[in-house]
Amino acid sequence: MPVADRVLVSARGRWLDELTALDGAVRAPLALSTRVGFTAVTGGVGCSTVGGLVASTCAARRSQRVLAVNATSSEGSLLWHAGCVGTATSTPEHDEQRLAARTGAEAVAGLARTGSGAYCLDLADPDGTPPPARWWQGVGAAGRFFDLVVTDWGVATPTTVDAIVAASTVVAVVTDTDRGGVQAAVDLAAWIRAHDVQVVVAVVDVTGRRPAGFDRLVQALPFPGVLVGHDRALRTSQPAPARRLRAGTSLAVLRLAAALIGAGGPGGEQTR
């Protein structure tokens, strides 16, 4: 059962209203192809995990094509967490064919696909993180054939953040519950927003030991923020199916997906 269906079935009372609204927001039509970038202030904070869950959720709930892209050298990439356990590599020849595509069918030819319906493209370089130009070579103009393009950029550095901004309509800056990490995420988010790209901050409780009252800190951030609670189901050797996730995790993923689609859609505003 997809994330949204599972949570809606288990909802009671006032939660049903929120979940119904979130599901509608995740399904909201987009005027143009929206490019969502996931990046982190440091490694190991759950960037690929939440990125994969968002890509999978959007693919399951939306009627148009969703493309999940790995632009990191991480083995546990966004693609893996979205449910793509096979190969999704792309050769230069495939890139050329995709960029020359004239129809949606040509744009998805040869791409792996997950059970949720997300198309998958792995730009990883076995010798290291792919250069930013690789995204434009592998996706570029072909992105117009996809309703959403969700890219896992990994850790942002001074040399890569410009490329992330250039390739994104909206960026999710991911951090853990370390207060220093949260401040670093806010600083990065402010830099991205100053360059006219929408931004959402995702705070992931990786260890399960977030300080008391941390929920209020996330709500008080100067940017839209979503807290994703700790979930042991995500720390396994296989991608966790929706049925194994905590209801709170599924709710947080819906909130994050809705926030990103709302920010990246027409007239998306950074409001609290």
C-alpha atoms as a PDB file:
ATOM      1  CA  MET A   1       0.000   0.000   0.000  1.00  0.00           C
ATOM      2  CA  PRO A   2       1.453   3.417  -0.962  1.00  0.00           C
ATOM      3  CA  VAL A   3       2.482   5.821   1.795  1.00  0.00           C
ATOM      4  CA  ALA A   4      -0.505   8.152   1.445  1.00  0.00           C
ATOM      5  CA  ASP A   5      -3.068   5.333   1.301  1.00  0.00           C
ATOM      6  CA  ARG A   6      -1.591   3.678   4.366  1.00  0.00           C
ATOM      7  CA  VAL A   7      -1.719   6.837   6.445  1.00  0.00           C
ATOM      8  CA  LEU A   8      -5.192   7.824   5.269  1.00  0.00           C
ATOM      9  CA  VAL A   9      -6.580   4.416   6.190  1.00  0.00           C
ATOM     10  CA  SER A  10      -5.148   4.666   9.721  1.00  0.00           C
ATOM     11  CA  ALA A  11      -6.146   8.312  10.263  1.00  0.00           C
ATOM     12  CA  ARG A  12      -8.708   9.365  12.828  1.00  0.00           C
ATOM     13  CA  GLY A  13     -10.445  12.624  13.673  1.00  0.00           C
ATOM     14  CA  ARG A  14      -8.642  15.853  12.962  1.00  0.00           C
ATOM     15  CA  TRP A  15      -5.677  14.029  11.400  1.00  0.00           C
ATOM     16  CA  LEU A  16      -7.865  12.900   8.519  1.00  0.00           C
ATOM     17  CA  ASP A  17      -8.437  16.495   7.447  1.00  0.00           C
ATOM     18  CA  GLU A  18      -4.700  17.200   7.343  1.00  0.00           C
ATOM     19  CA  LEU A  19      -3.885  13.987   5.528  1.00  0.00           C
ATOM     20  CA  THR A  20      -6.609  14.551   2.952  1.00  0.00           C
ATOM     21  CA  ALA A  21      -5.250  18.056   2.348  1.00  0.00           C
ATOM     22  CA  LEU A  22      -1.684  16.767   2.075  1.00  0.00           C
ATOM     23  CA  ASP A  23      -2.697  14.101  -0.407  1.00  0.00           C
ATOM     24  CA  GLY A  24      -4.414  16.746  -2.517  1.00  0.00           C
ATOM     25  CA  ALA A  25      -1.312  18.953  -2.343  1.00  0.00           C
ATOM     26  CA  VAL A  26       0.946  16.096  -3.466  1.00  0.00           C
ATOM     27  CA  ARG A  27      -1.385  15.479  -6.422  1.00  0.00           C
ATOM     28  CA  ALA A  28      -1.645  19.195  -7.341  1.00  0.00           C
ATOM     29  CA  PRO A  29      -1.052  19.908 -11.046  1.00  0.00           C
ATOM     30  CA  LEU A  30       2.118  21.701 -12.106  1.00  0.00           C
ATOM     31  CA  ALA A  31       2.195  24.151 -14.989  1.00  0.00           C
ATOM     32  CA  LEU A  32       5.728  23.148 -15.985  1.00  0.00           C
ATOM     33  CA  SER A  33       8.241  20.444 -15.175  1.00  0.00           C
ATOM     34  CA  THR A  34       9.463  20.996 -11.606  1.00  0.00           C
ATOM     35  CA  ARG A  35      13.034  20.128 -10.625  1.00  0.00           C
ATOM     36  CA  VAL A  36      13.484  19.202  -6.953  1.00  0.00           C
ATOM     37  CA  GLY A  37      17.035  18.962  -5.642  1.00  0.00           C
ATOM     38  CA  PHE A  38      18.001  17.239  -2.379  1.00  0.00           C
ATOM     39  CA  THR A  39      21.261  18.297  -0.768  1.00  0.00           C
ATOM     40  CA  ALA A  40      22.800  17.983   2.685  1.00  0.00           C
ATOM     41  CA  VAL A  41      25.134  20.049   4.835  1.00  0.00           C
ATOM     42  CA  THR A  42      27.110  16.925   5.756  1.00  0.00           C
ATOM     43  CA  GLY A  43      27.006  13.200   5.109  1.00  0.00           C
ATOM     44  CA  GLY A  44      24.902  10.673   6.994  1.00  0.00           C
ATOM     45  CA  VAL A  45      21.928  12.930   7.747  1.00  0.00           C
ATOM     46  CA  GLY A  46      19.308  11.078   5.700  1.00  0.00           C
ATOM     47  CA  CYS A  47      19.375  13.142   2.513  1.00  0.00           C
ATOM     48  CA  SER A  48      19.143  10.157   0.159  1.00  0.00           C
ATOM     49  CA  THR A  49      16.616   8.439   2.405  1.00  0.00           C
ATOM     50  CA  VAL A  50      14.040  11.223   2.481  1.00  0.00           C
ATOM     51  CA  GLY A  51      14.728  12.082  -1.161  1.00  0.00           C
ATOM     52  CA  GLY A  52      13.948   8.530  -2.206  1.00  0.00           C
ATOM     53  CA  LEU A  53      10.787   8.407  -0.115  1.00  0.00           C
ATOM     54  CA  VAL A  54       9.567  11.684  -1.593  1.00  0.00           C
ATOM     55  CA  ALA A  55      10.288  10.509  -5.153  1.00  0.00           C
ATOM     56  CA  SER A  56       8.488   7.224  -4.527  1.00  0.00           C
ATOM     57  CA  THR A  57       5.493   8.942  -2.923  1.00  0.00           C
ATOM     58  CA  CYS A  58       5.142  11.467  -5.739  1.00  0.00           C
ATOM     59  CA  ALA A  59       5.407   8.763  -8.389  1.00  0.00           C
ATOM     60  CA  ALA A  60       2.695   6.717  -6.669  1.00  0.00           C
ATOM     61  CA  ARG A  61       0.307   9.643  -6.140  1.00  0.00           C
ATOM     62  CA  ARG A  62       0.740  11.695  -9.313  1.00  0.00           C
ATOM     63  CA  SER A  63      -0.545  10.766 -12.762  1.00  0.00           C
ATOM     64  CA  GLN A  64       2.399  12.261 -14.685  1.00  0.00           C
ATOM     65  CA  ARG A  65       5.972  10.981 -15.049  1.00  0.00           C
ATOM     66  CA  VAL A  66       8.421  11.331 -12.152  1.00  0.00           C
ATOM     67  CA  LEU A  67      12.162  10.955 -12.762  1.00  0.00           C
ATOM     68  CA  ALA A  68      14.483  10.101  -9.849  1.00  0.00           C
ATOM     69  CA  VAL A  69      18.140  10.966 -10.470  1.00  0.00           C
ATOM     70  CA  ASN A  70      21.242  10.002  -8.537  1.00  0.00           C
ATOM     71  CA  ALA A  71      24.034  12.570  -8.880  1.00  0.00           C
ATOM     72  CA  THR A  72      26.174  11.251  -6.006  1.00  0.00           C
ATOM     73  CA  SER A  73      28.666   8.431  -5.584  1.00  0.00           C
ATOM     74  CA  SER A  74      26.746   6.967  -2.625  1.00  0.00           C
ATOM     75  CA  GLU A  75      25.725   3.312  -2.811  1.00  0.00           C
ATOM     76  CA  GLY A  76      22.598   3.967  -0.749  1.00  0.00           C
ATOM     77  CA  SER A  77      21.380   6.679  -3.104  1.00  0.00           C
ATOM     78  CA  LEU A  78      17.964   8.214  -3.597  1.00  0.00           C
ATOM     79  CA  LEU A  79      17.321   5.555  -6.248  1.00  0.00           C
ATOM     80  CA  TRP A  80      17.886   2.730  -3.779  1.00  0.00           C
ATOM     81  CA  HIS A  81      15.562   4.276  -1.202  1.00  0.00           C
ATOM     82  CA  ALA A  82      12.944   4.842  -3.914  1.00  0.00           C
ATOM     83  CA  GLY A  83      12.967   1.080  -4.562  1.00  0.00           C
ATOM     84  CA  CYS A  84      15.369   0.787  -7.489  1.00  0.00           C
ATOM     85  CA  VAL A  85      17.632  -2.117  -6.550  1.00  0.00           C
ATOM     86  CA  GLY A  86      18.833  -2.904 -10.072  1.00  0.00           C
ATOM     87  CA  THR A  87      21.012  -0.968 -12.467  1.00  0.00           C
ATOM     88  CA  ALA A  88      19.909   2.447 -13.716  1.00  0.00           C
ATOM     89  CA  THR A  89      23.128   3.629 -15.311  1.00  0.00           C
ATOM     90  CA  SER A  90      23.144   5.748 -18.426  1.00  0.00           C
ATOM     91  CA  THR A  91      25.769   5.681 -21.155  1.00  0.00           C
ATOM     92  CA  PRO A  92      26.740   8.734 -23.243  1.00  0.00           C
ATOM     93  CA  GLU A  93      24.837   7.140 -26.116  1.00  0.00           C
ATOM     94  CA  HIS A  94      21.693   6.892 -23.971  1.00  0.00           C
ATOM     95  CA  ASP A  95      22.190  10.511 -22.908  1.00  0.00           C
ATOM     96  CA  GLU A  96      22.290  11.659 -26.523  1.00  0.00           C
ATOM     97  CA  GLN A  97      19.149   9.704 -27.364  1.00  0.00           C
ATOM     98  CA  ARG A  98      17.319  11.132 -24.343  1.00  0.00           C
ATOM     99  CA  LEU A  99      18.312  14.717 -25.080  1.00  0.00           C
ATOM    100  CA  ALA A 100      17.174  14.309 -28.694  1.00  0.00           C
ATOM    101  CA  ALA A 101      13.814  12.844 -27.634  1.00  0.00           C
ATOM    102  CA  ARG A 102      10.716  14.302 -29.253  1.00  0.00           C
ATOM    103  CA  THR A 103       8.157  12.321 -27.266  1.00  0.00           C
ATOM    104  CA  GLY A 104       7.753  11.108 -23.712  1.00  0.00           C
ATOM    105  CA  ALA A 105       8.133   7.512 -24.858  1.00  0.00           C
ATOM    106  CA  GLU A 106      11.534   8.330 -26.359  1.00  0.00           C
ATOM    107  CA  ALA A 107      12.573  10.177 -23.177  1.00  0.00           C
ATOM    108  CA  VAL A 108      11.946   7.131 -20.953  1.00  0.00           C
ATOM    109  CA  ALA A 109      13.312   4.479 -23.319  1.00  0.00           C
ATOM    110  CA  GLY A 110      15.766   2.247 -21.479  1.00  0.00           C
ATOM    111  CA  LEU A 111      15.163   3.785 -18.043  1.00  0.00           C
ATOM    112  CA  ALA A 112      14.641   1.503 -15.050  1.00  0.00           C
ATOM    113  CA  ARG A 113      11.345   1.914 -13.190  1.00  0.00           C
ATOM    114  CA  THR A 114      10.378   1.241  -9.574  1.00  0.00           C
ATOM    115  CA  GLY A 115       7.248  -0.432  -8.298  1.00  0.00           C
ATOM    116  CA  SER A 116       5.815   2.976  -7.397  1.00  0.00           C
ATOM    117  CA  GLY A 117       6.251   4.105 -11.004  1.00  0.00           C
ATOM    118  CA  ALA A 118       9.306   6.363 -10.697  1.00  0.00           C
ATOM    119  CA  TYR A 119      11.704   6.336 -13.636  1.00  0.00           C
ATOM    120  CA  CYS A 120      15.340   6.065 -12.515  1.00  0.00           C
ATOM    121  CA  LEU A 121      18.562   7.522 -13.851  1.00  0.00           C
ATOM    122  CA  ASP A 122      21.952   6.920 -12.222  1.00  0.00           C
ATOM    123  CA  LEU A 123      24.618   9.450 -13.149  1.00  0.00           C
ATOM    124  CA  ALA A 124      27.144   8.111 -10.644  1.00  0.00           C
ATOM    125  CA  ASP A 125      30.768   7.915 -11.677  1.00  0.00           C
ATOM    126  CA  PRO A 126      32.400   4.784 -10.223  1.00  0.00           C
ATOM    127  CA  ASP A 127      35.587   6.793  -9.700  1.00  0.00           C
ATOM    128  CA  GLY A 128      33.880   9.560  -7.690  1.00  0.00           C
ATOM    129  CA  THR A 129      31.012  11.996  -7.538  1.00  0.00           C
ATOM    130  CA  PRO A 130      29.850  12.960 -11.035  1.00  0.00           C
ATOM    131  CA  PRO A 131      30.681  16.510 -12.099  1.00  0.00           C
ATOM    132  CA  PRO A 132      27.727  18.954 -12.119  1.00  0.00           C
ATOM    133  CA  ALA A 133      27.846  19.087 -15.919  1.00  0.00           C
ATOM    134  CA  ARG A 134      26.895  15.400 -15.966  1.00  0.00           C
ATOM    135  CA  TRP A 135      23.362  16.339 -14.854  1.00  0.00           C
ATOM    136  CA  TRP A 136      22.890  18.561 -17.875  1.00  0.00           C
ATOM    137  CA  GLN A 137      24.339  15.868 -20.134  1.00  0.00           C
ATOM    138  CA  GLY A 138      22.089  13.176 -18.685  1.00  0.00           C
ATOM    139  CA  VAL A 139      18.882  15.099 -18.021  1.00  0.00           C
ATOM    140  CA  GLY A 140      18.987  18.640 -19.363  1.00  0.00           C
ATOM    141  CA  ALA A 141      16.211  19.458 -21.801  1.00  0.00           C
ATOM    142  CA  ALA A 142      14.788  15.936 -21.540  1.00  0.00           C
ATOM    143  CA  GLY A 143      13.475  16.935 -18.124  1.00  0.00           C
ATOM    144  CA  ARG A 144      10.542  18.643 -19.841  1.00  0.00           C
ATOM    145  CA  PHE A 145       8.997  15.228 -20.454  1.00  0.00           C
ATOM    146  CA  PHE A 146       8.736  14.629 -16.687  1.00  0.00           C
ATOM    147  CA  ASP A 147       6.276  16.276 -14.340  1.00  0.00           C
ATOM    148  CA  LEU A 148       8.860  16.095 -11.553  1.00  0.00           C
ATOM    149  CA  VAL A 149      12.613  15.514 -11.628  1.00  0.00           C
ATOM    150  CA  VAL A 150      13.921  14.641  -8.162  1.00  0.00           C
ATOM    151  CA  THR A 151      17.726  14.674  -7.887  1.00  0.00           C
ATOM    152  CA  ASP A 152      19.946  13.484  -5.041  1.00  0.00           C
ATOM    153  CA  TRP A 153      22.978  15.822  -5.060  1.00  0.00           C
ATOM    154  CA  GLY A 154      24.512  14.617  -1.805  1.00  0.00           C
ATOM    155  CA  VAL A 155      26.572  17.028   0.281  1.00  0.00           C
ATOM    156  CA  ALA A 156      26.732  20.580  -1.029  1.00  0.00           C
ATOM    157  CA  THR A 157      30.159  22.187  -1.285  1.00  0.00           C
ATOM    158  CA  PRO A 158      31.192  25.683  -2.411  1.00  0.00           C
ATOM    159  CA  THR A 159      32.005  24.231  -5.842  1.00  0.00           C
ATOM    160  CA  THR A 160      28.750  22.315  -6.319  1.00  0.00           C
ATOM    161  CA  VAL A 161      26.012  24.402  -4.721  1.00  0.00           C
ATOM    162  CA  ASP A 162      25.878  26.770  -7.715  1.00  0.00           C
ATOM    163  CA  ALA A 163      25.198  23.804  -9.995  1.00  0.00           C
ATOM    164  CA  ILE A 164      22.435  22.573  -7.681  1.00  0.00           C
ATOM    165  CA  VAL A 165      20.760  25.971  -7.751  1.00  0.00           C
ATOM    166  CA  ALA A 166      21.035  26.186 -11.547  1.00  0.00           C
ATOM    167  CA  ALA A 167      19.400  22.763 -11.990  1.00  0.00           C
ATOM    168  CA  SER A 168      16.601  23.199  -9.436  1.00  0.00           C
ATOM    169  CA  THR A 169      13.211  24.839  -9.126  1.00  0.00           C
ATOM    170  CA  VAL A 170      13.150  24.093  -5.406  1.00  0.00           C
ATOM    171  CA  VAL A 171      15.823  22.659  -3.098  1.00  0.00           C
ATOM    172  CA  ALA A 172      15.380  20.529   0.026  1.00  0.00           C
ATOM    173  CA  VAL A 173      18.275  21.202   2.403  1.00  0.00           C
ATOM    174  CA  VAL A 174      18.627  18.201   4.703  1.00  0.00           C
ATOM    175  CA  THR A 175      20.263  18.079   8.122  1.00  0.00           C
ATOM    176  CA  ASP A 176      20.063  16.009  11.286  1.00  0.00           C
ATOM    177  CA  THR A 177      18.972  17.179  14.726  1.00  0.00           C
ATOM    178  CA  ASP A 178      22.377  18.571  15.695  1.00  0.00           C
ATOM    179  CA  ARG A 179      21.836  22.272  16.422  1.00  0.00           C
ATOM    180  CA  GLY A 180      25.020  23.209  14.600  1.00  0.00           C
ATOM    181  CA  GLY A 181      23.836  21.256  11.583  1.00  0.00           C
ATOM    182  CA  VAL A 182      20.462  22.974  11.679  1.00  0.00           C
ATOM    183  CA  GLN A 183      22.168  26.374  11.707  1.00  0.00           C
ATOM    184  CA  ALA A 184      24.354  25.333   8.770  1.00  0.00           C
ATOM    185  CA  ALA A 185      21.229  24.217   6.896  1.00  0.00           C
ATOM    186  CA  VAL A 186      19.529  27.566   7.543  1.00  0.00           C
ATOM    187  CA  ASP A 187      22.623  29.412   6.310  1.00  0.00           C
ATOM    188  CA  LEU A 188      22.719  27.319   3.130  1.00  0.00           C
ATOM    189  CA  ALA A 189      18.975  27.757   2.640  1.00  0.00           C
ATOM    190  CA  ALA A 190      19.359  31.546   2.925  1.00  0.00           C
ATOM    191  CA  TRP A 191      22.077  31.524   0.262  1.00  0.00           C
ATOM    192  CA  ILE A 192      19.924  29.434  -2.081  1.00  0.00           C
ATOM    193  CA  ARG A 193      16.845  31.606  -1.536  1.00  0.00           C
ATOM    194  CA  ALA A 194      18.895  34.731  -2.253  1.00  0.00           C
ATOM    195  CA  HIS A 195      19.414  33.296  -5.736  1.00  0.00           C
ATOM    196  CA  ASP A 196      15.640  33.145  -6.362  1.00  0.00           C
ATOM    197  CA  VAL A 197      15.287  29.396  -5.848  1.00  0.00           C
ATOM    198  CA  GLN A 198      12.647  28.152  -3.427  1.00  0.00           C
ATOM    199  CA  VAL A 199      13.860  26.121  -0.454  1.00  0.00           C
ATOM    200  CA  VAL A 200      12.503  23.767   2.226  1.00  0.00           C
ATOM    201  CA  VAL A 201      14.512  22.508   5.213  1.00  0.00           C
ATOM    202  CA  ALA A 202      14.151  18.831   6.163  1.00  0.00           C
ATOM    203  CA  VAL A 203      15.422  17.868   9.630  1.00  0.00           C
ATOM    204  CA  VAL A 204      15.890  14.114  10.074  1.00  0.00           C
ATOM    205  CA  ASP A 205      16.163  12.417  13.467  1.00  0.00           C
ATOM    206  CA  VAL A 206      18.792   9.885  12.426  1.00  0.00           C
ATOM    207  CA  THR A 207      19.705   8.639  15.917  1.00  0.00           C
ATOM    208  CA  GLY A 208      16.348   8.776  17.694  1.00  0.00           C
ATOM    209  CA  ARG A 209      17.791  11.070  20.360  1.00  0.00           C
ATOM    210  CA  ARG A 210      16.558  14.500  19.363  1.00  0.00           C
ATOM    211  CA  PRO A 211      16.400  17.017  22.233  1.00  0.00           C
ATOM    212  CA  ALA A 212      13.128  17.770  23.964  1.00  0.00           C
ATOM    213  CA  GLY A 213      11.181  20.559  22.293  1.00  0.00           C
ATOM    214  CA  PHE A 214      12.994  20.119  18.977  1.00  0.00           C
ATOM    215  CA  ASP A 215       9.689  20.097  17.120  1.00  0.00           C
ATOM    216  CA  ARG A 216       9.152  23.727  18.121  1.00  0.00           C
ATOM    217  CA  LEU A 217      12.625  24.670  16.893  1.00  0.00           C
ATOM    218  CA  VAL A 218      11.831  23.260  13.435  1.00  0.00           C
ATOM    219  CA  GLN A 219       8.527  25.134  13.359  1.00  0.00           C
ATOM    220  CA  ALA A 220      10.369  28.365  14.177  1.00  0.00           C
ATOM    221  CA  LEU A 221      12.861  28.130  11.303  1.00  0.00           C
ATOM    222  CA  PRO A 222      12.856  31.095   8.891  1.00  0.00           C
ATOM    223  CA  PHE A 223      12.041  28.687   6.053  1.00  0.00           C
ATOM    224  CA  PRO A 224       9.366  25.996   5.697  1.00  0.00           C
ATOM    225  CA  GLY A 225      10.649  23.100   7.782  1.00  0.00           C
ATOM    226  CA  VAL A 226       9.623  19.450   8.117  1.00  0.00           C
ATOM    227  CA  LEU A 227      10.801  17.142  10.897  1.00  0.00           C
ATOM    228  CA  VAL A 228      11.199  13.471   9.959  1.00  0.00           C
ATOM    229  CA  GLY A 229      11.267  11.308  13.061  1.00  0.00           C
ATOM    230  CA  HIS A 230      13.502   8.318  13.720  1.00  0.00           C
ATOM    231  CA  ASP A 231      12.428   5.082  12.052  1.00  0.00           C
ATOM    232  CA  ARG A 232      14.434   1.874  12.465  1.00  0.00           C
ATOM    233  CA  ALA A 233      12.707   0.419   9.394  1.00  0.00           C
ATOM    234  CA  LEU A 234      14.861   2.699   7.248  1.00  0.00           C
ATOM    235  CA  ARG A 235      18.154   1.275   8.490  1.00  0.00           C
ATOM    236  CA  THR A 236      18.036  -2.071   6.673  1.00  0.00           C
ATOM    237  CA  SER A 237      19.888  -3.833   3.879  1.00  0.00           C
ATOM    238  CA  GLN A 238      16.859  -3.491   1.581  1.00  0.00           C
ATOM    239  CA  PRO A 239      14.637  -0.501   0.725  1.00  0.00           C
ATOM    240  CA  ALA A 240      11.840  -0.313   3.281  1.00  0.00           C
ATOM    241  CA  PRO A 241       8.345  -0.775   1.790  1.00  0.00           C
ATOM    242  CA  ALA A 242       5.688   1.723   2.840  1.00  0.00           C
ATOM    243  CA  ARG A 243       3.897  -0.858   4.985  1.00  0.00           C
ATOM    244  CA  ARG A 244       6.940  -1.105   7.297  1.00  0.00           C
ATOM    245  CA  LEU A 245       7.300   2.611   7.936  1.00  0.00           C
ATOM    246  CA  ARG A 246       5.981   4.216  11.092  1.00  0.00           C
ATOM    247  CA  ALA A 247       2.792   6.215  10.534  1.00  0.00           C
ATOM    248  CA  GLY A 248       4.703   9.293  11.721  1.00  0.00           C
ATOM    249  CA  THR A 249       7.358   8.729   9.044  1.00  0.00           C
ATOM    250  CA  SER A 250       4.742   8.404   6.319  1.00  0.00           C
ATOM    251  CA  LEU A 251       3.051  11.589   7.527  1.00  0.00           C
ATOM    252  CA  ALA A 252       6.357  13.493   7.533  1.00  0.00           C
ATOM    253  CA  VAL A 253       7.142  12.328   3.984  1.00  0.00           C
ATOM    254  CA  LEU A 254       3.734  13.549   2.818  1.00  0.00           C
ATOM    255  CA  ARG A 255       4.338  16.900   4.515  1.00  0.00           C
ATOM    256  CA  LEU A 256       7.732  17.236   2.852  1.00  0.00           C
ATOM    257  CA  ALA A 257       6.436  16.229  -0.586  1.00  0.00           C
ATOM    258  CA  ALA A 258       3.537  18.670  -0.297  1.00  0.00           C
ATOM    259  CA  ALA A 259       5.843  21.487   0.813  1.00  0.00           C
ATOM    260  CA  LEU A 260       8.215  20.901  -2.100  1.00  0.00           C
ATOM    261  CA  ILE A 261       5.466  20.697  -4.711  1.00  0.00           C
ATOM    262  CA  GLY A 262       3.796  23.790  -3.268  1.00  0.00           C
ATOM    263  CA  ALA A 263       7.068  25.749  -3.294  1.00  0.00           C
ATOM    264  CA  GLY A 264       8.045  24.559  -6.748  1.00  0.00           C
ATOM    265  CA  GLY A 265       4.672  25.046  -8.381  1.00  0.00           C
ATOM    266  CA  PRO A 266       3.342  28.188 -10.040  1.00  0.00           C
ATOM    267  CA  GLY A 267       3.412  31.083  -7.624  1.00  0.00           C
ATOM    268  CA  GLY A 268       5.243  29.068  -4.981  1.00  0.00           C
ATOM    269  CA  GLU A 269       5.964  31.306  -2.002  1.00  0.00           C
ATOM    270  CA  GLN A 270       8.105  30.946   1.081  1.00  0.00           C
ATOM    271  CA  THR A 271       5.449  31.622   3.692  1.00  0.00           C
ATOM    272  CA  ARG A 272       4.958  30.485   7.234  1.00  0.00           C
END
